[in-house]
Amino acid sequence: MKDNPLDLSLLIEQHKKEIWAFKMKESEWVKTKNQLDGNKRIIEEMSSQIQDLRKRNSEVENEMAILKGIGNNSPEMKELKRDNKYLAEQVSHYRDILKKAGF
């Protein structure tokens, strides 16, 4: 059986079209994979940040619980108020001295 050159050129042309279509699909696959890899990195970073924020939030909640446990009527707060009152009186006393001295 003799090969018809026309049939062979049609087959070659068809093959070139198939190769081009495959290259276009492959290009889209690579693009999609790159986008997915980028999104994966973003998700991993955000997950890490969420874990850090949860940990910090837990620490803050613990600190708030301690502060609430101390309360305004605790001995520590009473002492702090007494110290603040004493310091305020000292500041007032020194202001009076400065005013009398002309400052």
PDB file of N, CA and C in Angstrom:
ATOM      1  N   MET A   1       0.829  -1.160   0.000  1.00  0.00           N
ATOM      2  CA  MET A   1       0.000   0.000   0.000  1.00  0.00           C
ATOM      3  C   MET A   1       0.885   1.238   0.000  1.00  0.00           C
ATOM      4  N   LYS A   2       0.613   2.142  -0.923  1.00  0.00           N
ATOM      5  CA  LYS A   2       1.396   3.357  -1.042  1.00  0.00           C
ATOM      6  C   LYS A   2       0.823   4.416  -0.105  1.00  0.00           C
ATOM      7  N   ASP A   3       1.729   5.136   0.525  1.00  0.00           N
ATOM      8  CA  ASP A   3       1.287   6.244   1.391  1.00  0.00           C
ATOM      9  C   ASP A   3       0.948   7.429   0.517  1.00  0.00           C
ATOM     10  N   ASN A   4      -0.155   7.983   0.784  1.00  0.00           N
ATOM     11  CA  ASN A   4      -0.575   9.185   0.070  1.00  0.00           C
ATOM     12  C   ASN A   4       0.024  10.386   0.793  1.00  0.00           C
ATOM     13  N   PRO A   5       0.838  11.219   0.104  1.00  0.00           N
ATOM     14  CA  PRO A   5       1.449  12.377   0.762  1.00  0.00           C
ATOM     15  C   PRO A   5       0.413  13.335   1.310  1.00  0.00           C
ATOM     16  N   LEU A   6      -0.725  13.418   0.688  1.00  0.00           N
ATOM     17  CA  LEU A   6      -1.785  14.310   1.149  1.00  0.00           C
ATOM     18  C   LEU A   6      -2.320  13.832   2.493  1.00  0.00           C
ATOM     19  N   ASP A   7      -2.539  12.512   2.608  1.00  0.00           N
ATOM     20  CA  ASP A   7      -3.014  11.958   3.877  1.00  0.00           C
ATOM     21  C   ASP A   7      -1.992  12.185   4.990  1.00  0.00           C
ATOM     22  N   LEU A   8      -0.723  12.035   4.660  1.00  0.00           N
ATOM     23  CA  LEU A   8       0.336  12.223   5.649  1.00  0.00           C
ATOM     24  C   LEU A   8       0.400  13.676   6.114  1.00  0.00           C
ATOM     25  N   SER A   9       0.275  14.627   5.211  1.00  0.00           N
ATOM     26  CA  SER A   9       0.310  16.040   5.596  1.00  0.00           C
ATOM     27  C   SER A   9      -0.919  16.391   6.442  1.00  0.00           C
ATOM     28  N   LEU A  10      -2.057  15.784   6.154  1.00  0.00           N
ATOM     29  CA  LEU A  10      -3.250  16.018   6.990  1.00  0.00           C
ATOM     30  C   LEU A  10      -3.045  15.476   8.400  1.00  0.00           C
ATOM     31  N   LEU A  11      -2.432  14.290   8.468  1.00  0.00           N
ATOM     32  CA  LEU A  11      -2.149  13.699   9.777  1.00  0.00           C
ATOM     33  C   LEU A  11      -1.171  14.566  10.574  1.00  0.00           C
ATOM     34  N   ILE A  12      -0.152  15.085   9.898  1.00  0.00           N
ATOM     35  CA  ILE A  12       0.832  15.944  10.559  1.00  0.00           C
ATOM     36  C   ILE A  12       0.162  17.215  11.059  1.00  0.00           C
ATOM     37  N   GLU A  13      -0.679  17.800  10.236  1.00  0.00           N
ATOM     38  CA  GLU A  13      -1.396  19.027  10.622  1.00  0.00           C
ATOM     39  C   GLU A  13      -2.310  18.762  11.824  1.00  0.00           C
ATOM     40  N   GLN A  14      -3.009  17.632  11.785  1.00  0.00           N
ATOM     41  CA  GLN A  14      -3.896  17.255  12.887  1.00  0.00           C
ATOM     42  C   GLN A  14      -3.080  17.061  14.167  1.00  0.00           C
ATOM     43  N   HIS A  15      -1.938  16.411  14.039  1.00  0.00           N
ATOM     44  CA  HIS A  15      -1.070  16.160  15.189  1.00  0.00           C
ATOM     45  C   HIS A  15      -0.571  17.487  15.787  1.00  0.00           C
ATOM     46  N   LYS A  16      -0.188  18.435  14.942  1.00  0.00           N
ATOM     47  CA  LYS A  16       0.266  19.749  15.410  1.00  0.00           C
ATOM     48  C   LYS A  16      -0.835  20.449  16.200  1.00  0.00           C
ATOM     49  N   LYS A  17      -2.068  20.359  15.726  1.00  0.00           N
ATOM     50  CA  LYS A  17      -3.203  20.972  16.423  1.00  0.00           C
ATOM     51  C   LYS A  17      -3.423  20.319  17.790  1.00  0.00           C
ATOM     52  N   GLU A  18      -3.286  18.994  17.835  1.00  0.00           N
ATOM     53  CA  GLU A  18      -3.450  18.283  19.100  1.00  0.00           C
ATOM     54  C   GLU A  18      -2.351  18.660  20.091  1.00  0.00           C
ATOM     55  N   ILE A  19      -1.116  18.783  19.586  1.00  0.00           N
ATOM     56  CA  ILE A  19       0.004  19.188  20.441  1.00  0.00           C
ATOM     57  C   ILE A  19      -0.241  20.588  20.985  1.00  0.00           C
ATOM     58  N   TRP A  20      -0.700  21.503  20.128  1.00  0.00           N
ATOM     59  CA  TRP A  20      -0.979  22.877  20.563  1.00  0.00           C
ATOM     60  C   TRP A  20      -2.073  22.884  21.635  1.00  0.00           C
ATOM     61  N   ALA A  21      -3.132  22.126  21.420  1.00  0.00           N
ATOM     62  CA  ALA A  21      -4.224  22.061  22.405  1.00  0.00           C
ATOM     63  C   ALA A  21      -3.709  21.497  23.729  1.00  0.00           C
ATOM     64  N   PHE A  22      -2.872  20.472  23.659  1.00  0.00           N
ATOM     65  CA  PHE A  22      -2.307  19.898  24.878  1.00  0.00           C
ATOM     66  C   PHE A  22      -1.439  20.922  25.612  1.00  0.00           C
ATOM     67  N   LYS A  23      -0.599  21.670  24.867  1.00  0.00           N
ATOM     68  CA  LYS A  23       0.251  22.691  25.484  1.00  0.00           C
ATOM     69  C   LYS A  23      -0.582  23.777  26.164  1.00  0.00           C
ATOM     70  N   MET A  24      -1.693  24.144  25.560  1.00  0.00           N
ATOM     71  CA  MET A  24      -2.574  25.148  26.158  1.00  0.00           C
ATOM     72  C   MET A  24      -3.189  24.614  27.466  1.00  0.00           C
ATOM     73  N   LYS A  25      -3.630  23.359  27.455  1.00  0.00           N
ATOM     74  CA  LYS A  25      -4.180  22.750  28.671  1.00  0.00           C
ATOM     75  C   LYS A  25      -3.106  22.652  29.751  1.00  0.00           C
ATOM     76  N   GLU A  26      -1.902  22.233  29.351  1.00  0.00           N
ATOM     77  CA  GLU A  26      -0.801  22.112  30.300  1.00  0.00           C
ATOM     78  C   GLU A  26      -0.478  23.470  30.928  1.00  0.00           C
ATOM     79  N   SER A  27      -0.509  24.513  30.124  1.00  0.00           N
ATOM     80  CA  SER A  27      -0.256  25.860  30.615  1.00  0.00           C
ATOM     81  C   SER A  27      -1.294  26.258  31.679  1.00  0.00           C
ATOM     82  N   GLU A  28      -2.550  25.936  31.433  1.00  0.00           N
ATOM     83  CA  GLU A  28      -3.612  26.222  32.409  1.00  0.00           C
ATOM     84  C   GLU A  28      -3.414  25.418  33.686  1.00  0.00           C
ATOM     85  N   TRP A  29      -2.982  24.160  33.536  1.00  0.00           N
ATOM     86  CA  TRP A  29      -2.738  23.314  34.711  1.00  0.00           C
ATOM     87  C   TRP A  29      -1.626  23.903  35.569  1.00  0.00           C
ATOM     88  N   VAL A  30      -0.550  24.363  34.924  1.00  0.00           N
ATOM     89  CA  VAL A  30       0.573  24.957  35.655  1.00  0.00           C
ATOM     90  C   VAL A  30       0.113  26.234  36.366  1.00  0.00           C
ATOM     91  N   LYS A  31      -0.644  27.046  35.674  1.00  0.00           N
ATOM     92  CA  LYS A  31      -1.161  28.287  36.260  1.00  0.00           C
ATOM     93  C   LYS A  31      -2.032  27.971  37.481  1.00  0.00           C
ATOM     94  N   THR A  32      -2.927  27.011  37.343  1.00  0.00           N
ATOM     95  CA  THR A  32      -3.807  26.624  38.447  1.00  0.00           C
ATOM     96  C   THR A  32      -2.997  26.075  39.616  1.00  0.00           C
ATOM     97  N   LYS A  33      -1.995  25.249  39.328  1.00  0.00           N
ATOM     98  CA  LYS A  33      -1.159  24.694  40.400  1.00  0.00           C
ATOM     99  C   LYS A  33      -0.427  25.805  41.146  1.00  0.00           C
ATOM    100  N   ASN A  34       0.105  26.781  40.428  1.00  0.00           N
ATOM    101  CA  ASN A  34       0.795  27.898  41.068  1.00  0.00           C
ATOM    102  C   ASN A  34      -0.148  28.687  41.970  1.00  0.00           C
ATOM    103  N   GLN A  35      -1.366  28.920  41.486  1.00  0.00           N
ATOM    104  CA  GLN A  35      -2.351  29.628  42.302  1.00  0.00           C
ATOM    105  C   GLN A  35      -2.690  28.828  43.560  1.00  0.00           C
ATOM    106  N   LEU A  36      -2.864  27.533  43.403  1.00  0.00           N
ATOM    107  CA  LEU A  36      -3.181  26.680  44.557  1.00  0.00           C
ATOM    108  C   LEU A  36      -2.035  26.662  45.560  1.00  0.00           C
ATOM    109  N   ASP A  37      -0.797  26.592  45.073  1.00  0.00           N
ATOM    110  CA  ASP A  37       0.354  26.616  45.971  1.00  0.00           C
ATOM    111  C   ASP A  37       0.416  27.936  46.738  1.00  0.00           C
ATOM    112  N   GLY A  38       0.166  29.044  46.042  1.00  0.00           N
ATOM    113  CA  GLY A  38       0.150  30.358  46.710  1.00  0.00           C
ATOM    114  C   GLY A  38      -0.945  30.433  47.756  1.00  0.00           C
ATOM    115  N   ASN A  39      -2.127  29.940  47.409  1.00  0.00           N
ATOM    116  CA  ASN A  39      -3.237  29.956  48.366  1.00  0.00           C
ATOM    117  C   ASN A  39      -2.937  29.072  49.569  1.00  0.00           C
ATOM    118  N   LYS A  40      -2.275  27.960  49.318  1.00  0.00           N
ATOM    119  CA  LYS A  40      -1.911  27.049  50.415  1.00  0.00           C
ATOM    120  C   LYS A  40      -0.976  27.757  51.392  1.00  0.00           C
ATOM    121  N   ARG A  41       0.013  28.486  50.869  1.00  0.00           N
ATOM    122  CA  ARG A  41       0.939  29.218  51.736  1.00  0.00           C
ATOM    123  C   ARG A  41       0.196  30.274  52.548  1.00  0.00           C
ATOM    124  N   ILE A  42      -0.726  30.982  51.908  1.00  0.00           N
ATOM    125  CA  ILE A  42      -1.505  32.006  52.616  1.00  0.00           C
ATOM    126  C   ILE A  42      -2.314  31.364  53.740  1.00  0.00           C
ATOM    127  N   ILE A  43      -2.953  30.244  53.455  1.00  0.00           N
ATOM    128  CA  ILE A  43      -3.760  29.555  54.457  1.00  0.00           C
ATOM    129  C   ILE A  43      -2.887  29.085  55.609  1.00  0.00           C
ATOM    130  N   GLU A  44      -1.707  28.553  55.313  1.00  0.00           N
ATOM    131  CA  GLU A  44      -0.799  28.102  56.371  1.00  0.00           C
ATOM    132  C   GLU A  44      -0.370  29.269  57.250  1.00  0.00           C
ATOM    133  N   GLU A  45      -0.042  30.413  56.637  1.00  0.00           N
ATOM    134  CA  GLU A  45       0.353  31.595  57.407  1.00  0.00           C
ATOM    135  C   GLU A  45      -0.798  32.091  58.280  1.00  0.00           C
ATOM    136  N   MET A  46      -1.994  32.138  57.705  1.00  0.00           N
ATOM    137  CA  MET A  46      -3.153  32.611  58.466  1.00  0.00           C
ATOM    138  C   MET A  46      -3.481  31.655  59.608  1.00  0.00           C
ATOM    139  N   SER A  47      -3.338  30.359  59.370  1.00  0.00           N
ATOM    140  CA  SER A  47      -3.579  29.376  60.429  1.00  0.00           C
ATOM    141  C   SER A  47      -2.604  29.590  61.581  1.00  0.00           C
ATOM    142  N   SER A  48      -1.356  29.842  61.245  1.00  0.00           N
ATOM    143  CA  SER A  48      -0.347  30.099  62.269  1.00  0.00           C
ATOM    144  C   SER A  48      -0.690  31.365  63.054  1.00  0.00           C
ATOM    145  N   GLN A  49      -1.118  32.409  62.349  1.00  0.00           N
ATOM    146  CA  GLN A  49      -1.489  33.658  63.013  1.00  0.00           C
ATOM    147  C   GLN A  49      -2.710  33.464  63.907  1.00  0.00           C
ATOM    148  N   ILE A  50      -3.661  32.677  63.451  1.00  0.00           N
ATOM    149  CA  ILE A  50      -4.860  32.404  64.256  1.00  0.00           C
ATOM    150  C   ILE A  50      -4.457  31.676  65.534  1.00  0.00           C
ATOM    151  N   GLN A  51      -3.559  30.703  65.429  1.00  0.00           N
ATOM    152  CA  GLN A  51      -3.108  29.986  66.624  1.00  0.00           C
ATOM    153  C   GLN A  51      -2.407  30.939  67.587  1.00  0.00           C
ATOM    154  N   ASP A  52      -1.567  31.829  67.051  1.00  0.00           N
ATOM    155  CA  ASP A  52      -0.887  32.806  67.901  1.00  0.00           C
ATOM    156  C   ASP A  52      -1.893  33.727  68.592  1.00  0.00           C
ATOM    157  N   LEU A  53      -2.901  34.181  67.846  1.00  0.00           N
ATOM    158  CA  LEU A  53      -3.919  35.053  68.430  1.00  0.00           C
ATOM    159  C   LEU A  53      -4.735  34.334  69.494  1.00  0.00           C
ATOM    160  N   ARG A  54      -5.044  33.062  69.252  1.00  0.00           N
ATOM    161  CA  ARG A  54      -5.778  32.295  70.259  1.00  0.00           C
ATOM    162  C   ARG A  54      -4.959  32.159  71.536  1.00  0.00           C
ATOM    163  N   LYS A  55      -3.656  31.907  71.372  1.00  0.00           N
ATOM    164  CA  LYS A  55      -2.783  31.778  72.532  1.00  0.00           C
ATOM    165  C   LYS A  55      -2.733  33.094  73.294  1.00  0.00           C
ATOM    166  N   ARG A  56      -2.557  34.199  72.575  1.00  0.00           N
ATOM    167  CA  ARG A  56      -2.492  35.527  73.222  1.00  0.00           C
ATOM    168  C   ARG A  56      -3.822  35.847  73.897  1.00  0.00           C
ATOM    169  N   ASN A  57      -4.926  35.513  73.245  1.00  0.00           N
ATOM    170  CA  ASN A  57      -6.242  35.767  73.825  1.00  0.00           C
ATOM    171  C   ASN A  57      -6.401  34.990  75.130  1.00  0.00           C
ATOM    172  N   SER A  58      -5.933  33.763  75.152  1.00  0.00           N
ATOM    173  CA  SER A  58      -6.001  32.944  76.354  1.00  0.00           C
ATOM    174  C   SER A  58      -5.174  33.579  77.476  1.00  0.00           C
ATOM    175  N   GLU A  59      -3.993  34.082  77.121  1.00  0.00           N
ATOM    176  CA  GLU A  59      -3.144  34.744  78.112  1.00  0.00           C
ATOM    177  C   GLU A  59      -3.828  35.981  78.680  1.00  0.00           C
ATOM    178  N   VAL A  60      -4.445  36.767  77.812  1.00  0.00           N
ATOM    179  CA  VAL A  60      -5.137  37.980  78.253  1.00  0.00           C
ATOM    180  C   VAL A  60      -6.325  37.616  79.144  1.00  0.00           C
ATOM    181  N   GLU A  61      -7.056  36.577  78.763  1.00  0.00           N
ATOM    182  CA  GLU A  61      -8.186  36.151  79.592  1.00  0.00           C
ATOM    183  C   GLU A  61      -7.707  35.721  80.972  1.00  0.00           C
ATOM    184  N   ASN A  62      -6.570  35.034  81.034  1.00  0.00           N
ATOM    185  CA  ASN A  62      -6.014  34.642  82.331  1.00  0.00           C
ATOM    186  C   ASN A  62      -5.622  35.863  83.159  1.00  0.00           C
ATOM    187  N   GLU A  63      -5.003  36.839  82.508  1.00  0.00           N
ATOM    188  CA  GLU A  63      -4.626  38.070  83.208  1.00  0.00           C
ATOM    189  C   GLU A  63      -5.863  38.799  83.722  1.00  0.00           C
ATOM    190  N   MET A  64      -6.910  38.831  82.904  1.00  0.00           N
ATOM    191  CA  MET A  64      -8.154  39.502  83.325  1.00  0.00           C
ATOM    192  C   MET A  64      -8.779  38.778  84.515  1.00  0.00           C
ATOM    193  N   ALA A  65      -8.712  37.456  84.501  1.00  0.00           N
ATOM    194  CA  ALA A  65      -9.264  36.694  85.619  1.00  0.00           C
ATOM    195  C   ALA A  65      -8.495  37.007  86.901  1.00  0.00           C
ATOM    196  N   ILE A  66      -7.202  37.139  86.787  1.00  0.00           N
ATOM    197  CA  ILE A  66      -6.392  37.488  87.962  1.00  0.00           C
ATOM    198  C   ILE A  66      -6.770  38.866  88.468  1.00  0.00           C
ATOM    199  N   LEU A  67      -6.897  39.822  87.539  1.00  0.00           N
ATOM    200  CA  LEU A  67      -7.258  41.185  87.942  1.00  0.00           C
ATOM    201  C   LEU A  67      -8.646  41.231  88.579  1.00  0.00           C
ATOM    202  N   LYS A  68      -9.574  40.482  88.020  1.00  0.00           N
ATOM    203  CA  LYS A  68     -10.912  40.439  88.603  1.00  0.00           C
ATOM    204  C   LYS A  68     -10.871  39.796  89.983  1.00  0.00           C
ATOM    205  N   GLY A  69      -9.990  38.802  90.144  1.00  0.00           N
ATOM    206  CA  GLY A  69      -9.852  38.138  91.438  1.00  0.00           C
ATOM    207  C   GLY A  69      -9.326  39.079  92.502  1.00  0.00           C
ATOM    208  N   ILE A  70      -8.460  40.005  92.086  1.00  0.00           N
ATOM    209  CA  ILE A  70      -7.929  40.971  93.049  1.00  0.00           C
ATOM    210  C   ILE A  70      -9.050  41.897  93.513  1.00  0.00           C
ATOM    211  N   GLY A  71      -9.792  42.452  92.561  1.00  0.00           N
ATOM    212  CA  GLY A  71     -10.943  43.295  92.889  1.00  0.00           C
ATOM    213  C   GLY A  71     -10.578  44.586  93.578  1.00  0.00           C
ATOM    214  N   ASN A  72     -11.550  45.480  93.684  1.00  0.00           N
ATOM    215  CA  ASN A  72     -11.335  46.797  94.290  1.00  0.00           C
ATOM    216  C   ASN A  72     -11.250  46.738  95.807  1.00  0.00           C
ATOM    217  N   ASN A  73     -11.802  45.735  96.434  1.00  0.00           N
ATOM    218  CA  ASN A  73     -11.815  45.664  97.890  1.00  0.00           C
ATOM    219  C   ASN A  73     -10.756  44.731  98.456  1.00  0.00           C
ATOM    220  N   SER A  74      -9.853  44.278  97.612  1.00  0.00           N
ATOM    221  CA  SER A  74      -8.803  43.382  98.094  1.00  0.00           C
ATOM    222  C   SER A  74      -7.789  44.200  98.889  1.00  0.00           C
ATOM    223  N   PRO A  75      -7.023  43.547  99.748  1.00  0.00           N
ATOM    224  CA  PRO A  75      -5.985  44.259 100.512  1.00  0.00           C
ATOM    225  C   PRO A  75      -4.986  44.964  99.603  1.00  0.00           C
ATOM    226  N   GLU A  76      -4.677  44.338  98.455  1.00  0.00           N
ATOM    227  CA  GLU A  76      -3.720  44.957  97.537  1.00  0.00           C
ATOM    228  C   GLU A  76      -4.247  46.283  96.994  1.00  0.00           C
ATOM    229  N   MET A  77      -5.526  46.285  96.607  1.00  0.00           N
ATOM    230  CA  MET A  77      -6.115  47.510  96.047  1.00  0.00           C
ATOM    231  C   MET A  77      -6.264  48.576  97.132  1.00  0.00           C
ATOM    232  N   LYS A  78      -6.613  48.177  98.339  1.00  0.00           N
ATOM    233  CA  LYS A  78      -6.720  49.147  99.442  1.00  0.00           C
ATOM    234  C   LYS A  78      -5.364  49.793  99.705  1.00  0.00           C
ATOM    235  N   GLU A  79      -4.313  48.978  99.691  1.00  0.00           N
ATOM    236  CA  GLU A  79      -2.975  49.520  99.897  1.00  0.00           C
ATOM    237  C   GLU A  79      -2.581  50.451  98.765  1.00  0.00           C
ATOM    238  N   LEU A  80      -2.917  50.080  97.541  1.00  0.00           N
ATOM    239  CA  LEU A  80      -2.611  50.923  96.394  1.00  0.00           C
ATOM    240  C   LEU A  80      -3.332  52.263  96.487  1.00  0.00           C
ATOM    241  N   LYS A  81      -4.607  52.235  96.878  1.00  0.00           N
ATOM    242  CA  LYS A  81      -5.367  53.487  97.037  1.00  0.00           C
ATOM    243  C   LYS A  81      -4.755  54.351  98.138  1.00  0.00           C
ATOM    244  N   ARG A  82      -4.349  53.720  99.239  1.00  0.00           N
ATOM    245  CA  ARG A  82      -3.725  54.452 100.341  1.00  0.00           C
ATOM    246  C   ARG A  82      -2.420  55.082  99.874  1.00  0.00           C
ATOM    247  N   ASP A  83      -1.608  54.337  99.120  1.00  0.00           N
ATOM    248  CA  ASP A  83      -0.355  54.872  98.593  1.00  0.00           C
ATOM    249  C   ASP A  83      -0.606  56.027  97.633  1.00  0.00           C
ATOM    250  N   ASN A  84      -1.606  55.890  96.777  1.00  0.00           N
ATOM    251  CA  ASN A  84      -1.934  56.962  95.830  1.00  0.00           C
ATOM    252  C   ASN A  84      -2.369  58.224  96.565  1.00  0.00           C
ATOM    253  N   LYS A  85      -3.160  58.055  97.618  1.00  0.00           N
ATOM    254  CA  LYS A  85      -3.625  59.213  98.399  1.00  0.00           C
ATOM    255  C   LYS A  85      -2.429  59.905  99.049  1.00  0.00           C
ATOM    256  N   TYR A  86      -1.512  59.129  99.592  1.00  0.00           N
ATOM    257  CA  TYR A  86      -0.319  59.683 100.224  1.00  0.00           C
ATOM    258  C   TYR A  86       0.516  60.451  99.207  1.00  0.00           C
ATOM    259  N   LEU A  87       0.716  59.866  98.023  1.00  0.00           N
ATOM    260  CA  LEU A  87       1.493  60.539  96.976  1.00  0.00           C
ATOM    261  C   LEU A  87       0.809  61.818  96.507  1.00  0.00           C
ATOM    262  N   ALA A  88      -0.523  61.789  96.395  1.00  0.00           N
ATOM    263  CA  ALA A  88      -1.267  62.987  95.981  1.00  0.00           C
ATOM    264  C   ALA A  88      -1.093  64.094  97.011  1.00  0.00           C
ATOM    265  N   GLU A  89      -1.100  63.730  98.293  1.00  0.00           N
ATOM    266  CA  GLU A  89      -0.894  64.733  99.353  1.00  0.00           C
ATOM    267  C   GLU A  89       0.515  65.316  99.281  1.00  0.00           C
ATOM    268  N   GLN A  90       1.505  64.475  98.999  1.00  0.00           N
ATOM    269  CA  GLN A  90       2.882  64.965  98.877  1.00  0.00           C
ATOM    270  C   GLN A  90       3.009  65.928  97.698  1.00  0.00           C
ATOM    271  N   VAL A  91       2.412  65.574  96.572  1.00  0.00           N
ATOM    272  CA  VAL A  91       2.467  66.444  95.392  1.00  0.00           C
ATOM    273  C   VAL A  91       1.818  67.784  95.718  1.00  0.00           C
ATOM    274  N   SER A  92       0.682  67.762  96.394  1.00  0.00           N
ATOM    275  CA  SER A  92      -0.022  68.987  96.762  1.00  0.00           C
ATOM    276  C   SER A  92       0.852  69.832  97.702  1.00  0.00           C
ATOM    277  N   HIS A  93       1.493  69.177  98.644  1.00  0.00           N
ATOM    278  CA  HIS A  93       2.364  69.882  99.595  1.00  0.00           C
ATOM    279  C   HIS A  93       3.513  70.573  98.854  1.00  0.00           C
ATOM    280  N   TYR A  94       4.165  69.858  97.944  1.00  0.00           N
ATOM    281  CA  TYR A  94       5.279  70.450  97.194  1.00  0.00           C
ATOM    282  C   TYR A  94       4.805  71.565  96.275  1.00  0.00           C
ATOM    283  N   ARG A  95       3.601  71.467  95.734  1.00  0.00           N
ATOM    284  CA  ARG A  95       3.050  72.562  94.903  1.00  0.00           C
ATOM    285  C   ARG A  95       2.873  73.818  95.748  1.00  0.00           C
ATOM    286  N   ASP A  96       2.354  73.630  96.950  1.00  0.00           N
ATOM    287  CA  ASP A  96       2.167  74.786  97.845  1.00  0.00           C
ATOM    288  C   ASP A  96       3.505  75.450  98.159  1.00  0.00           C
ATOM    289  N   ILE A  97       4.522  74.625  98.416  1.00  0.00           N
ATOM    290  CA  ILE A  97       5.855  75.172  98.711  1.00  0.00           C
ATOM    291  C   ILE A  97       6.367  75.953  97.509  1.00  0.00           C
ATOM    292  N   LEU A  98       6.182  75.407  96.296  1.00  0.00           N
ATOM    293  CA  LEU A  98       6.652  76.095  95.084  1.00  0.00           C
ATOM    294  C   LEU A  98       5.897  77.392  94.846  1.00  0.00           C
ATOM    295  N   LYS A  99       4.589  77.403  95.123  1.00  0.00           N
ATOM    296  CA  LYS A  99       3.796  78.625  94.947  1.00  0.00           C
ATOM    297  C   LYS A  99       4.287  79.711  95.911  1.00  0.00           C
ATOM    298  N   LYS A 100       4.550  79.327  97.161  1.00  0.00           N
ATOM    299  CA  LYS A 100       5.020  80.293  98.163  1.00  0.00           C
ATOM    300  C   LYS A 100       6.396  80.835  97.795  1.00  0.00           C
ATOM    301  N   ALA A 101       7.173  80.000  97.063  1.00  0.00           N
ATOM    302  CA  ALA A 101       8.502  80.428  96.666  1.00  0.00           C
ATOM    303  C   ALA A 101       8.465  81.257  95.395  1.00  0.00           C
ATOM    304  N   GLY A 102       7.287  81.396  94.797  1.00  0.00           N
ATOM    305  CA  GLY A 102       7.147  82.236  93.623  1.00  0.00           C
ATOM    306  C   GLY A 102       7.262  81.493  92.299  1.00  0.00           C
ATOM    307  N   PHE A 103       7.188  80.207  92.321  1.00  0.00           N
ATOM    308  CA  PHE A 103       7.264  79.440  91.067  1.00  0.00           C
ATOM    309  C   PHE A 103       5.910  79.144  90.510  1.00  0.00           C
TER     310      PHE A 103
END
